[in-house]
């Protein structure tokens, strides 16, 4: 089975496109098989983008697990002076994210493999629909790695389905020394706001 979180997906290419329509932007995004939700913008992603407060106007922002780019491109549209790091391990998704950013003339989006982000970059905001299905241990490792790079005044917003463990994840984040609060709840999805203590 080929997973969207594989570096080089085994699924044969089958290019497609989806529309991301929000009150403040309308984007046509190229997609392909072998990545997360290639047939439509995922409901969790849409709820995140409809409920999260505006990102900081400048500095470095992070879309963790960017896929073909709906979250990163929304951040870049809403904060055109900021540098948006669109991070994933899936090379096919990163190529599409970069193409979608170029098509939208969002030139401050950096579509970058997770292992290639400079270690000194700190993020004022992290938005993510995290890859819950990679397993709890890998998820926890990923979140600790990136949440630890928030600036002191930074905040992460994560969207997690209730039945996939949003409440237990909130408790775990608190145990790791973060402040984790439910910022919104809709259609069995939770938006968790995570800040350094």
Protein backbone atom coordinates (compact mmCIF):
# COMPACT_ATOMS: atom_id res chain seq x y z
CA UNK A 1 0.00 0.00 0.00
CA UNK A 2 1.31 3.43 -0.93
CA UNK A 3 0.95 6.11 1.73
CA UNK A 4 0.73 9.84 1.15
CA UNK A 5 3.44 10.25 3.78
CA UNK A 6 5.95 8.20 1.76
CA UNK A 7 8.83 10.22 0.33
CA UNK A 8 8.28 8.84 -3.16
CA UNK A 9 4.69 7.55 -3.54
CA UNK A 10 4.22 4.30 -5.44
CA UNK A 11 0.81 5.29 -6.79
CA UNK A 12 0.84 5.96 -10.51
CA UNK A 13 0.48 9.61 -11.41
CA UNK A 14 -3.05 10.71 -12.26
CA UNK A 15 -3.07 14.52 -12.36
CA UNK A 16 -6.20 16.36 -11.32
CA UNK A 17 -7.24 19.62 -9.73
CA UNK A 18 -9.40 20.95 -6.92
CA UNK A 19 -10.84 24.34 -6.09
CA UNK A 20 -10.12 26.02 -2.77
CA UNK A 21 -12.87 28.60 -2.24
CA UNK A 22 -12.80 30.66 0.94
CA UNK A 23 -14.36 34.07 1.67
CA UNK A 24 -11.02 35.81 1.02
CA UNK A 25 -9.50 33.69 -1.75
CA UNK A 26 -10.28 31.38 -4.65
CA UNK A 27 -7.55 29.07 -5.93
CA UNK A 28 -7.41 26.25 -8.46
CA UNK A 29 -4.82 23.74 -7.25
CA UNK A 30 -3.15 20.96 -9.18
CA UNK A 31 -3.26 17.58 -7.45
CA UNK A 32 -2.17 14.02 -8.12
CA UNK A 33 -2.49 10.54 -6.66
CA UNK A 34 -0.11 9.51 -3.90
CA UNK A 35 -0.83 12.49 -1.66
CA UNK A 36 -3.42 13.46 0.92
CA UNK A 37 -6.95 14.17 -0.32
CA UNK A 38 -6.20 14.64 -4.05
CA UNK A 39 -9.89 14.72 -5.08
CA UNK A 40 -11.10 17.56 -2.85
CA UNK A 41 -9.88 19.92 -0.18
CA UNK A 42 -10.25 17.82 2.97
CA UNK A 43 -13.01 18.85 5.40
CA UNK A 44 -10.54 19.25 8.26
CA UNK A 45 -8.31 21.52 6.20
CA UNK A 46 -11.32 23.63 5.18
CA UNK A 47 -12.50 23.95 8.81
CA UNK A 48 -8.99 24.97 9.89
CA UNK A 49 -8.80 27.66 7.19
CA UNK A 50 -12.30 28.96 7.98
CA UNK A 51 -11.75 29.23 11.75
CA UNK A 52 -8.09 30.03 12.42
CA UNK A 53 -7.24 33.67 13.21
CA UNK A 54 -5.12 35.60 10.67
CA UNK A 55 -1.44 34.64 10.69
CA UNK A 56 1.25 37.12 11.79
CA UNK A 57 1.89 39.64 9.03
CA UNK A 58 5.61 38.89 8.76
CA UNK A 59 8.31 36.50 9.91
CA UNK A 60 8.45 32.76 9.24
CA UNK A 61 5.25 30.69 9.14
CA UNK A 62 4.94 26.91 8.77
CA UNK A 63 2.47 24.61 7.06
CA UNK A 64 3.43 21.21 8.51
CA UNK A 65 2.47 18.42 6.10
CA UNK A 66 1.65 20.76 3.24
CA UNK A 67 0.59 18.26 0.57
CA UNK A 68 -0.23 20.16 -2.62
CA UNK A 69 -0.45 23.41 -0.68
CA UNK A 70 -3.95 24.60 0.33
CA UNK A 71 -2.88 25.67 3.84
CA UNK A 72 0.46 27.19 2.79
CA UNK A 73 -1.10 29.18 -0.05
CA UNK A 74 -3.84 30.47 2.25
CA UNK A 75 -1.23 31.59 4.80
CA UNK A 76 0.75 33.32 2.05
CA UNK A 77 -2.35 35.07 0.70
CA UNK A 78 -3.30 36.33 4.15
CA UNK A 79 0.26 37.33 5.14
CA UNK A 80 2.01 38.39 1.91
CA UNK A 81 5.07 39.82 3.72
CA UNK A 82 5.74 36.58 5.62
CA UNK A 83 7.87 33.66 4.47
CA UNK A 84 5.73 30.52 4.44
CA UNK A 85 7.56 27.22 4.79
CA UNK A 86 5.48 24.45 3.20
CA UNK A 87 7.02 21.30 4.63
CA UNK A 88 6.37 17.67 3.74
CA UNK A 89 8.28 14.43 3.16
CA UNK A 90 6.35 13.59 -0.03
CA UNK A 91 8.43 14.80 -3.00
CA UNK A 92 5.54 14.61 -5.46
CA UNK A 93 3.40 16.77 -3.20
CA UNK A 94 6.22 19.29 -2.75
CA UNK A 95 6.61 19.66 -6.53
CA UNK A 96 2.88 20.34 -6.90
CA UNK A 97 2.87 22.74 -3.95
CA UNK A 98 5.68 24.73 -5.58
CA UNK A 99 3.83 24.77 -8.92
CA UNK A 100 0.58 25.87 -7.26
CA UNK A 101 2.39 28.66 -5.40
CA UNK A 102 4.01 29.88 -8.64
CA UNK A 103 0.68 29.78 -10.49
CA UNK A 104 -0.86 31.90 -7.74
CA UNK A 105 2.14 34.30 -7.80
CA UNK A 106 2.83 33.56 -4.13
CA UNK A 107 6.59 33.78 -4.33
CA UNK A 108 7.31 33.73 -0.59
CA UNK A 109 6.18 30.12 -0.23
CA UNK A 110 9.11 27.74 0.20
CA UNK A 111 8.09 24.14 -0.51
CA UNK A 112 10.77 22.21 1.35
CA UNK A 113 11.43 18.63 2.45
CA UNK A 114 11.18 18.28 6.22
CA UNK A 115 14.88 17.44 6.49
CA UNK A 116 15.98 20.51 4.50
CA UNK A 117 14.57 23.38 6.60
CA UNK A 118 17.47 25.36 8.14
CA UNK A 119 17.80 24.57 11.83
CA UNK A 120 17.86 28.22 12.93
CA UNK A 121 14.42 29.09 11.51
CA UNK A 122 11.79 29.76 14.18
CA UNK A 123 8.09 30.01 13.40
CA UNK A 124 5.60 32.65 14.51
CA UNK A 125 2.73 30.42 13.42
CA UNK A 126 2.25 26.76 12.53
CA UNK A 127 -0.92 25.60 10.79
CA UNK A 128 -1.34 21.89 10.23
CA UNK A 129 -3.72 19.08 9.42
CA UNK A 130 -1.21 16.61 10.85
CA UNK A 131 -0.74 13.12 9.44
CA UNK A 132 -2.46 11.26 12.28
CA UNK A 133 -2.29 7.98 10.35
CA UNK A 134 1.52 7.80 10.50
CA UNK A 135 1.03 6.29 13.97
CA UNK A 136 1.13 7.76 17.45
CA UNK A 137 4.90 7.48 18.02
CA UNK A 138 5.79 9.09 14.68
CA UNK A 139 3.12 11.77 15.15
CA UNK A 140 4.43 12.66 18.61
CA UNK A 141 8.00 12.81 17.34
CA UNK A 142 6.98 15.07 14.44
CA UNK A 143 4.97 17.44 16.64
CA UNK A 144 7.71 17.77 19.26
CA UNK A 145 10.25 18.46 16.51
CA UNK A 146 8.30 21.34 15.00
CA UNK A 147 6.34 22.77 17.94
CA UNK A 148 9.68 23.19 19.68
CA UNK A 149 10.58 25.69 16.94
CA UNK A 150 7.76 28.12 17.76
CA UNK A 151 8.89 31.60 18.75
CA UNK A 152 8.06 32.54 22.38
CA UNK A 153 5.00 34.47 21.15
CA UNK A 154 4.15 31.94 18.43
CA UNK A 155 1.11 29.67 18.18
CA UNK A 156 0.26 26.49 16.34
CA UNK A 157 -3.24 25.59 15.16
CA UNK A 158 -3.81 21.88 14.51
CA UNK A 159 -7.00 20.31 13.15
CA UNK A 160 -7.72 16.79 14.40
CA UNK A 161 -10.83 14.64 14.14
CA UNK A 162 -12.40 13.82 17.48
CA UNK A 163 -12.59 10.10 16.72
CA UNK A 164 -8.91 10.09 15.69
CA UNK A 165 -7.85 11.25 19.12
CA UNK A 166 -8.04 15.04 19.34
CA UNK A 167 -8.81 15.00 23.06
CA UNK A 168 -6.01 12.58 23.97
CA UNK A 169 -3.61 14.57 21.76
CA UNK A 170 -4.58 17.76 23.62
CA UNK A 171 -3.79 16.07 26.95
CA UNK A 172 -0.48 14.74 25.61
CA UNK A 173 0.57 18.20 24.40
CA UNK A 174 -0.14 19.60 27.86
CA UNK A 175 2.00 16.82 29.37
CA UNK A 176 4.86 17.83 27.06
CA UNK A 177 4.89 21.35 28.50
CA UNK A 178 2.76 23.20 25.95
CA UNK A 179 -0.46 25.06 26.55
CA UNK A 180 -3.08 23.31 24.40
CA UNK A 181 -6.63 24.66 24.18
CA UNK A 182 -9.58 23.83 21.98
CA UNK A 183 -9.96 26.94 19.83
CA UNK A 184 -12.91 25.68 17.75
CA UNK A 185 -15.03 22.61 17.18
CA UNK A 186 -17.10 21.76 14.14
CA UNK A 187 -18.37 18.57 12.46
CA UNK A 188 -16.39 16.24 14.74
CA UNK A 189 -13.19 18.23 14.12
CA UNK A 190 -11.28 20.06 16.82
CA UNK A 191 -8.94 22.99 16.26
CA UNK A 192 -6.23 22.87 18.92
CA UNK A 193 -4.27 26.03 19.66
CA UNK A 194 -0.82 25.14 20.98
CA UNK A 195 1.55 27.69 22.52
CA UNK A 196 4.84 27.49 24.44
CA UNK A 197 4.60 27.93 28.19
